[in-house]
């Protein structure tokens, strides 16, 4: 049986959370934490998240909604049945209306989990307490979002493995900003935002190009100073 482990660095104590029986033995993929200290595990092959409650020591299945897919109209009833009858561990990898969250990120300010849907071409916001799901489509067509991370200002960063680009989503304005990268075929599977001397920096490894990259952004004060100097 699979599950998750919680480690308390203050006490050195490990706590084990077993997956619910309905998803036991399925492949876990990424993990995030919410503001209440609970763990959220993605199961890339099936469209669920597992919430591990730090207070009760139990885990529950949080089902993700099916998505509307234009691809469904390309298949007849018999062909759709083929996808529906795939073995459970491969459902999200071939299911026409699957979400397939890979590496989610926790947002402590808003107490939500951000899930990059690999097949759906969108970012999912899951409220950690109500479990309500909100969908935000990517501005890039056919983009595969692999990981979502939240920076110190609450911006959500998503790496697009097949687009040679990363995206910044502003939860307040619900707007995307896309940053195209100079290396072609970078195929990155992750990124990490940090703050150094007040500046947001994004670090990532290029799986396809054998490089590492860093993006650094000016602070708001620096932007304002440049605008003032230009007047």
C-alpha atoms as a PDB file:
ATOM      1  CA  UNK A   1       0.000   0.000   0.000  1.00  0.00           C
ATOM      2  CA  UNK A   2       1.308   3.464  -0.925  1.00  0.00           C
ATOM      3  CA  UNK A   3       0.998   6.685   0.952  1.00  0.00           C
ATOM      4  CA  UNK A   4       2.909   9.681   2.229  1.00  0.00           C
ATOM      5  CA  UNK A   5       5.349  10.477   5.019  1.00  0.00           C
ATOM      6  CA  UNK A   6       5.408  13.581   7.198  1.00  0.00           C
ATOM      7  CA  UNK A   7       8.620  14.612   8.971  1.00  0.00           C
ATOM      8  CA  UNK A   8       8.690  17.072  11.868  1.00  0.00           C
ATOM      9  CA  UNK A   9      12.232  18.549  11.973  1.00  0.00           C
ATOM     10  CA  UNK A  10      11.691  19.886  15.509  1.00  0.00           C
ATOM     11  CA  UNK A  11      10.892  16.527  17.068  1.00  0.00           C
ATOM     12  CA  UNK A  12      12.507  14.265  14.482  1.00  0.00           C
ATOM     13  CA  UNK A  13       9.249  12.320  14.295  1.00  0.00           C
ATOM     14  CA  UNK A  14       7.970  10.589  11.162  1.00  0.00           C
ATOM     15  CA  UNK A  15       4.243  10.055  10.569  1.00  0.00           C
ATOM     16  CA  UNK A  16       2.975   7.661   7.902  1.00  0.00           C
ATOM     17  CA  UNK A  17      -0.243   8.256   5.962  1.00  0.00           C
ATOM     18  CA  UNK A  18      -1.627   5.310   4.016  1.00  0.00           C
ATOM     19  CA  UNK A  19      -3.560   5.889   0.803  1.00  0.00           C
ATOM     20  CA  UNK A  20      -7.297   5.117   0.974  1.00  0.00           C
ATOM     21  CA  UNK A  21      -8.194   1.595  -0.118  1.00  0.00           C
ATOM     22  CA  UNK A  22      -9.947   2.832  -3.274  1.00  0.00           C
ATOM     23  CA  UNK A  23      -6.642   4.061  -4.743  1.00  0.00           C
ATOM     24  CA  UNK A  24      -4.221   1.710  -3.006  1.00  0.00           C
ATOM     25  CA  UNK A  25      -1.383   0.617  -5.259  1.00  0.00           C
ATOM     26  CA  UNK A  26      -1.804   3.478  -7.734  1.00  0.00           C
ATOM     27  CA  UNK A  27       1.126   5.639  -8.755  1.00  0.00           C
ATOM     28  CA  UNK A  28       1.744   8.783  -6.700  1.00  0.00           C
ATOM     29  CA  UNK A  29       3.610  11.603  -8.402  1.00  0.00           C
ATOM     30  CA  UNK A  30       3.978  15.042  -6.796  1.00  0.00           C
ATOM     31  CA  UNK A  31       3.251  16.491  -3.377  1.00  0.00           C
ATOM     32  CA  UNK A  32       2.421  19.867  -1.808  1.00  0.00           C
ATOM     33  CA  UNK A  33       1.316  21.207   1.578  1.00  0.00           C
ATOM     34  CA  UNK A  34      -1.449  23.614   2.542  1.00  0.00           C
ATOM     35  CA  UNK A  35      -1.528  26.348   5.166  1.00  0.00           C
ATOM     36  CA  UNK A  36      -2.977  23.968   7.768  1.00  0.00           C
ATOM     37  CA  UNK A  37      -0.032  21.582   7.499  1.00  0.00           C
ATOM     38  CA  UNK A  38      -1.866  18.941   5.477  1.00  0.00           C
ATOM     39  CA  UNK A  39      -0.213  17.065   2.634  1.00  0.00           C
ATOM     40  CA  UNK A  40      -1.653  16.842  -0.895  1.00  0.00           C
ATOM     41  CA  UNK A  41      -0.410  14.080  -3.183  1.00  0.00           C
ATOM     42  CA  UNK A  42      -1.125  13.917  -6.899  1.00  0.00           C
ATOM     43  CA  UNK A  43      -1.784  10.635  -8.676  1.00  0.00           C
ATOM     44  CA  UNK A  44      -0.818  11.353 -12.270  1.00  0.00           C
ATOM     45  CA  UNK A  45      -2.421   8.197 -13.750  1.00  0.00           C
ATOM     46  CA  UNK A  46      -5.832   8.912 -12.179  1.00  0.00           C
ATOM     47  CA  UNK A  47      -7.631  12.211 -11.653  1.00  0.00           C
ATOM     48  CA  UNK A  48      -7.555  12.511  -7.885  1.00  0.00           C
ATOM     49  CA  UNK A  49      -5.570  14.211  -5.168  1.00  0.00           C
ATOM     50  CA  UNK A  50      -4.966  12.589  -1.792  1.00  0.00           C
ATOM     51  CA  UNK A  51      -5.332  14.880   1.205  1.00  0.00           C
ATOM     52  CA  UNK A  52      -3.444  13.696   4.298  1.00  0.00           C
ATOM     53  CA  UNK A  53      -4.874  15.370   7.408  1.00  0.00           C
ATOM     54  CA  UNK A  54      -2.113  16.180   9.875  1.00  0.00           C
ATOM     55  CA  UNK A  55      -4.554  16.397  12.817  1.00  0.00           C
ATOM     56  CA  UNK A  56      -6.464  13.171  12.335  1.00  0.00           C
ATOM     57  CA  UNK A  57      -3.681  11.119  10.741  1.00  0.00           C
ATOM     58  CA  UNK A  58      -6.025   9.951   7.979  1.00  0.00           C
ATOM     59  CA  UNK A  59      -6.114  10.424   4.224  1.00  0.00           C
ATOM     60  CA  UNK A  60      -9.017  11.040   1.861  1.00  0.00           C
ATOM     61  CA  UNK A  61      -9.548  11.018  -1.893  1.00  0.00           C
ATOM     62  CA  UNK A  62     -10.393  14.355  -3.530  1.00  0.00           C
ATOM     63  CA  UNK A  63     -11.848  13.723  -6.986  1.00  0.00           C
ATOM     64  CA  UNK A  64     -11.045  16.159  -9.775  1.00  0.00           C
ATOM     65  CA  UNK A  65     -13.787  17.169 -12.224  1.00  0.00           C
ATOM     66  CA  UNK A  66     -13.810  15.817 -15.755  1.00  0.00           C
ATOM     67  CA  UNK A  67     -12.944  18.382 -18.373  1.00  0.00           C
ATOM     68  CA  UNK A  68     -14.683  19.237 -21.608  1.00  0.00           C
ATOM     69  CA  UNK A  69     -12.537  17.996 -24.463  1.00  0.00           C
ATOM     70  CA  UNK A  70     -12.920  18.768 -28.156  1.00  0.00           C
ATOM     71  CA  UNK A  71     -11.001  15.548 -28.822  1.00  0.00           C
ATOM     72  CA  UNK A  72     -14.059  13.519 -27.783  1.00  0.00           C
ATOM     73  CA  UNK A  73     -15.861  14.407 -31.007  1.00  0.00           C
ATOM     74  CA  UNK A  74     -13.047  12.835 -33.053  1.00  0.00           C
ATOM     75  CA  UNK A  75     -13.896   9.326 -31.795  1.00  0.00           C
ATOM     76  CA  UNK A  76     -16.945   7.132 -32.241  1.00  0.00           C
ATOM     77  CA  UNK A  77     -18.676   5.274 -29.410  1.00  0.00           C
ATOM     78  CA  UNK A  78     -16.631   2.109 -29.877  1.00  0.00           C
ATOM     79  CA  UNK A  79     -13.352   4.030 -29.810  1.00  0.00           C
ATOM     80  CA  UNK A  80     -14.393   5.967 -26.715  1.00  0.00           C
ATOM     81  CA  UNK A  81     -15.200   2.667 -25.007  1.00  0.00           C
ATOM     82  CA  UNK A  82     -11.608   1.579 -25.630  1.00  0.00           C
ATOM     83  CA  UNK A  83     -10.325   4.556 -23.647  1.00  0.00           C
ATOM     84  CA  UNK A  84     -12.863   3.979 -20.879  1.00  0.00           C
ATOM     85  CA  UNK A  85     -11.812   0.351 -20.514  1.00  0.00           C
ATOM     86  CA  UNK A  86      -8.102   1.008 -20.188  1.00  0.00           C
ATOM     87  CA  UNK A  87      -6.582  -0.361 -17.018  1.00  0.00           C
ATOM     88  CA  UNK A  88      -7.044   2.072 -14.156  1.00  0.00           C
ATOM     89  CA  UNK A  89      -3.360   2.929 -13.799  1.00  0.00           C
ATOM     90  CA  UNK A  90      -3.278   4.230 -17.369  1.00  0.00           C
ATOM     91  CA  UNK A  91      -6.596   6.081 -17.443  1.00  0.00           C
ATOM     92  CA  UNK A  92      -5.317   9.646 -17.132  1.00  0.00           C
ATOM     93  CA  UNK A  93      -2.540   8.985 -19.621  1.00  0.00           C
ATOM     94  CA  UNK A  94      -4.956   8.083 -22.378  1.00  0.00           C
ATOM     95  CA  UNK A  95      -8.349   9.269 -21.154  1.00  0.00           C
ATOM     96  CA  UNK A  96      -9.786  11.898 -23.455  1.00  0.00           C
ATOM     97  CA  UNK A  97     -11.267  14.026 -20.676  1.00  0.00           C
ATOM     98  CA  UNK A  98      -8.475  13.532 -18.133  1.00  0.00           C
ATOM     99  CA  UNK A  99      -6.716  16.239 -16.103  1.00  0.00           C
ATOM    100  CA  UNK A 100      -3.483  14.476 -15.031  1.00  0.00           C
ATOM    101  CA  UNK A 101      -1.912  16.758 -12.416  1.00  0.00           C
ATOM    102  CA  UNK A 102       1.815  16.133 -12.160  1.00  0.00           C
ATOM    103  CA  UNK A 103       3.591  18.333  -9.564  1.00  0.00           C
ATOM    104  CA  UNK A 104       1.240  20.556  -7.537  1.00  0.00           C
ATOM    105  CA  UNK A 105       2.251  23.559  -5.458  1.00  0.00           C
ATOM    106  CA  UNK A 106       0.923  24.831  -2.135  1.00  0.00           C
ATOM    107  CA  UNK A 107      -0.185  28.439  -1.639  1.00  0.00           C
ATOM    108  CA  UNK A 108      -0.047  29.283   2.074  1.00  0.00           C
ATOM    109  CA  UNK A 109      -1.472  32.789   1.655  1.00  0.00           C
ATOM    110  CA  UNK A 110      -4.681  31.671   0.000  1.00  0.00           C
ATOM    111  CA  UNK A 111      -4.651  28.144   1.434  1.00  0.00           C
ATOM    112  CA  UNK A 112      -5.097  26.536  -1.958  1.00  0.00           C
ATOM    113  CA  UNK A 113      -3.300  23.896  -3.996  1.00  0.00           C
ATOM    114  CA  UNK A 114      -2.280  24.766  -7.556  1.00  0.00           C
ATOM    115  CA  UNK A 115      -2.331  21.783  -9.910  1.00  0.00           C
ATOM    116  CA  UNK A 116      -0.831  21.907 -13.416  1.00  0.00           C
ATOM    117  CA  UNK A 117      -3.059  19.682 -15.540  1.00  0.00           C
ATOM    118  CA  UNK A 118      -0.787  17.898 -18.010  1.00  0.00           C
ATOM    119  CA  UNK A 119      -3.545  16.830 -20.412  1.00  0.00           C
ATOM    120  CA  UNK A 120      -6.096  19.585 -19.834  1.00  0.00           C
ATOM    121  CA  UNK A 121      -3.941  22.573 -20.804  1.00  0.00           C
ATOM    122  CA  UNK A 122      -4.926  24.470 -17.690  1.00  0.00           C
ATOM    123  CA  UNK A 123      -4.025  25.332 -14.105  1.00  0.00           C
ATOM    124  CA  UNK A 124      -6.380  24.061 -11.393  1.00  0.00           C
ATOM    125  CA  UNK A 125      -6.958  25.877  -8.096  1.00  0.00           C
ATOM    126  CA  UNK A 126      -8.156  23.545  -5.344  1.00  0.00           C
ATOM    127  CA  UNK A 127      -9.396  25.199  -2.152  1.00  0.00           C
ATOM    128  CA  UNK A 128      -7.708  23.285   0.667  1.00  0.00           C
ATOM    129  CA  UNK A 129     -10.753  23.419   2.952  1.00  0.00           C
ATOM    130  CA  UNK A 130     -13.814  23.428   0.687  1.00  0.00           C
ATOM    131  CA  UNK A 131     -12.111  21.359  -2.080  1.00  0.00           C
ATOM    132  CA  UNK A 132     -13.732  23.622  -4.674  1.00  0.00           C
ATOM    133  CA  UNK A 133     -11.900  23.478  -8.009  1.00  0.00           C
ATOM    134  CA  UNK A 134     -11.434  26.468 -10.327  1.00  0.00           C
ATOM    135  CA  UNK A 135      -9.886  26.105 -13.782  1.00  0.00           C
ATOM    136  CA  UNK A 136      -7.628  28.644 -15.514  1.00  0.00           C
ATOM    137  CA  UNK A 137      -6.696  27.748 -19.125  1.00  0.00           C
ATOM    138  CA  UNK A 138      -3.121  28.282 -20.254  1.00  0.00           C
ATOM    139  CA  UNK A 139      -2.656  31.095 -22.805  1.00  0.00           C
ATOM    140  CA  UNK A 140      -0.486  28.776 -24.922  1.00  0.00           C
ATOM    141  CA  UNK A 141      -2.129  26.204 -27.175  1.00  0.00           C
ATOM    142  CA  UNK A 142      -1.278  22.555 -26.467  1.00  0.00           C
ATOM    143  CA  UNK A 143       0.929  23.512 -23.505  1.00  0.00           C
ATOM    144  CA  UNK A 144       1.864  20.787 -21.017  1.00  0.00           C
ATOM    145  CA  UNK A 145       2.253  22.232 -17.519  1.00  0.00           C
ATOM    146  CA  UNK A 146       4.560  20.078 -15.424  1.00  0.00           C
ATOM    147  CA  UNK A 147       5.050  21.861 -12.081  1.00  0.00           C
ATOM    148  CA  UNK A 148       3.472  24.790 -10.230  1.00  0.00           C
ATOM    149  CA  UNK A 149       5.335  26.808  -7.565  1.00  0.00           C
ATOM    150  CA  UNK A 150       4.351  29.917  -5.590  1.00  0.00           C
ATOM    151  CA  UNK A 151       6.813  32.770  -4.962  1.00  0.00           C
ATOM    152  CA  UNK A 152       7.033  35.152  -1.994  1.00  0.00           C
ATOM    153  CA  UNK A 153       4.554  37.572  -3.594  1.00  0.00           C
ATOM    154  CA  UNK A 154       1.956  34.861  -4.169  1.00  0.00           C
ATOM    155  CA  UNK A 155       2.530  34.566  -7.918  1.00  0.00           C
ATOM    156  CA  UNK A 156       2.138  31.061  -9.371  1.00  0.00           C
ATOM    157  CA  UNK A 157       4.890  29.875 -11.725  1.00  0.00           C
ATOM    158  CA  UNK A 158       4.310  26.999 -14.164  1.00  0.00           C
ATOM    159  CA  UNK A 159       6.919  25.327 -16.371  1.00  0.00           C
ATOM    160  CA  UNK A 160       5.736  24.272 -19.854  1.00  0.00           C
ATOM    161  CA  UNK A 161       7.903  21.347 -20.845  1.00  0.00           C
ATOM    162  CA  UNK A 162       6.979  21.358 -24.520  1.00  0.00           C
ATOM    163  CA  UNK A 163       6.830  25.115 -25.133  1.00  0.00           C
ATOM    164  CA  UNK A 164      10.340  26.355 -24.189  1.00  0.00           C
ATOM    165  CA  UNK A 165       8.597  28.788 -21.857  1.00  0.00           C
ATOM    166  CA  UNK A 166       7.405  29.369 -18.309  1.00  0.00           C
ATOM    167  CA  UNK A 167       4.286  31.179 -17.184  1.00  0.00           C
ATOM    168  CA  UNK A 168       3.451  33.460 -14.266  1.00  0.00           C
ATOM    169  CA  UNK A 169      -0.161  33.464 -13.099  1.00  0.00           C
ATOM    170  CA  UNK A 170      -1.414  36.327 -10.931  1.00  0.00           C
ATOM    171  CA  UNK A 171      -4.243  34.977  -8.711  1.00  0.00           C
ATOM    172  CA  UNK A 172      -5.469  38.515  -7.939  1.00  0.00           C
ATOM    173  CA  UNK A 173      -5.926  39.634 -11.562  1.00  0.00           C
ATOM    174  CA  UNK A 174      -6.277  36.084 -12.963  1.00  0.00           C
ATOM    175  CA  UNK A 175      -3.885  37.070 -15.743  1.00  0.00           C
ATOM    176  CA  UNK A 176      -0.970  35.158 -17.306  1.00  0.00           C
ATOM    177  CA  UNK A 177       2.460  36.434 -18.290  1.00  0.00           C
ATOM    178  CA  UNK A 178       4.528  34.160 -20.544  1.00  0.00           C
ATOM    179  CA  UNK A 179       8.338  34.216 -20.622  1.00  0.00           C
ATOM    180  CA  UNK A 180       9.871  32.535 -23.642  1.00  0.00           C
ATOM    181  CA  UNK A 181      13.310  31.031 -23.043  1.00  0.00           C
ATOM    182  CA  UNK A 182      16.227  31.317 -25.497  1.00  0.00           C
ATOM    183  CA  UNK A 183      17.122  27.616 -25.484  1.00  0.00           C
ATOM    184  CA  UNK A 184      15.123  25.397 -27.832  1.00  0.00           C
ATOM    185  CA  UNK A 185      14.096  21.918 -26.710  1.00  0.00           C
ATOM    186  CA  UNK A 186      14.821  22.588 -23.039  1.00  0.00           C
ATOM    187  CA  UNK A 187      12.180  20.090 -21.795  1.00  0.00           C
ATOM    188  CA  UNK A 188      12.372  21.169 -18.173  1.00  0.00           C
ATOM    189  CA  UNK A 189      10.431  19.209 -15.553  1.00  0.00           C
ATOM    190  CA  UNK A 190      10.597  21.698 -12.711  1.00  0.00           C
ATOM    191  CA  UNK A 191      11.431  25.163 -11.446  1.00  0.00           C
ATOM    192  CA  UNK A 192      12.039  26.859  -8.106  1.00  0.00           C
ATOM    193  CA  UNK A 193      11.311  30.507  -7.202  1.00  0.00           C
ATOM    194  CA  UNK A 194      13.453  32.173  -4.524  1.00  0.00           C
ATOM    195  CA  UNK A 195      13.881  35.730  -3.254  1.00  0.00           C
ATOM    196  CA  UNK A 196      17.412  37.160  -3.009  1.00  0.00           C
ATOM    197  CA  UNK A 197      17.995  40.808  -2.077  1.00  0.00           C
ATOM    198  CA  UNK A 198      14.332  41.499  -2.756  1.00  0.00           C
ATOM    199  CA  UNK A 199      14.460  40.114  -6.291  1.00  0.00           C
ATOM    200  CA  UNK A 200      12.463  37.128  -7.489  1.00  0.00           C
ATOM    201  CA  UNK A 201      14.696  34.546  -9.132  1.00  0.00           C
ATOM    202  CA  UNK A 202      13.570  31.405 -10.962  1.00  0.00           C
ATOM    203  CA  UNK A 203      15.950  28.461 -11.236  1.00  0.00           C
ATOM    204  CA  UNK A 204      15.430  25.425 -13.431  1.00  0.00           C
ATOM    205  CA  UNK A 205      17.265  22.532 -15.041  1.00  0.00           C
ATOM    206  CA  UNK A 206      17.051  21.805 -18.769  1.00  0.00           C
ATOM    207  CA  UNK A 207      16.499  18.077 -19.084  1.00  0.00           C
ATOM    208  CA  UNK A 208      16.633  18.206 -22.878  1.00  0.00           C
ATOM    209  CA  UNK A 209      19.490  20.687 -23.308  1.00  0.00           C
ATOM    210  CA  UNK A 210      21.878  19.733 -20.504  1.00  0.00           C
ATOM    211  CA  UNK A 211      21.890  23.218 -18.956  1.00  0.00           C
ATOM    212  CA  UNK A 212      20.718  25.092 -15.892  1.00  0.00           C
ATOM    213  CA  UNK A 213      19.070  28.506 -16.133  1.00  0.00           C
ATOM    214  CA  UNK A 214      18.209  31.425 -13.881  1.00  0.00           C
ATOM    215  CA  UNK A 215      15.686  34.176 -14.507  1.00  0.00           C
ATOM    216  CA  UNK A 216      15.986  37.303 -12.348  1.00  0.00           C
ATOM    217  CA  UNK A 217      13.396  40.073 -12.106  1.00  0.00           C
ATOM    218  CA  UNK A 218      13.713  43.667 -10.892  1.00  0.00           C
ATOM    219  CA  UNK A 219      11.852  44.694  -7.752  1.00  0.00           C
ATOM    220  CA  UNK A 220       8.876  47.047  -7.908  1.00  0.00           C
ATOM    221  CA  UNK A 221      11.048  49.802  -6.409  1.00  0.00           C
ATOM    222  CA  UNK A 222      13.645  49.282  -9.139  1.00  0.00           C
ATOM    223  CA  UNK A 223      10.953  49.450 -11.815  1.00  0.00           C
ATOM    224  CA  UNK A 224       9.632  52.690 -10.329  1.00  0.00           C
ATOM    225  CA  UNK A 225      13.136  54.185 -10.181  1.00  0.00           C
ATOM    226  CA  UNK A 226      13.690  53.381 -13.860  1.00  0.00           C
ATOM    227  CA  UNK A 227      10.369  54.989 -14.791  1.00  0.00           C
ATOM    228  CA  UNK A 228      11.241  58.117 -12.803  1.00  0.00           C
ATOM    229  CA  UNK A 229      14.685  58.348 -14.409  1.00  0.00           C
ATOM    230  CA  UNK A 230      13.142  58.063 -17.881  1.00  0.00           C
ATOM    231  CA  UNK A 231      10.886  61.097 -17.380  1.00  0.00           C
END
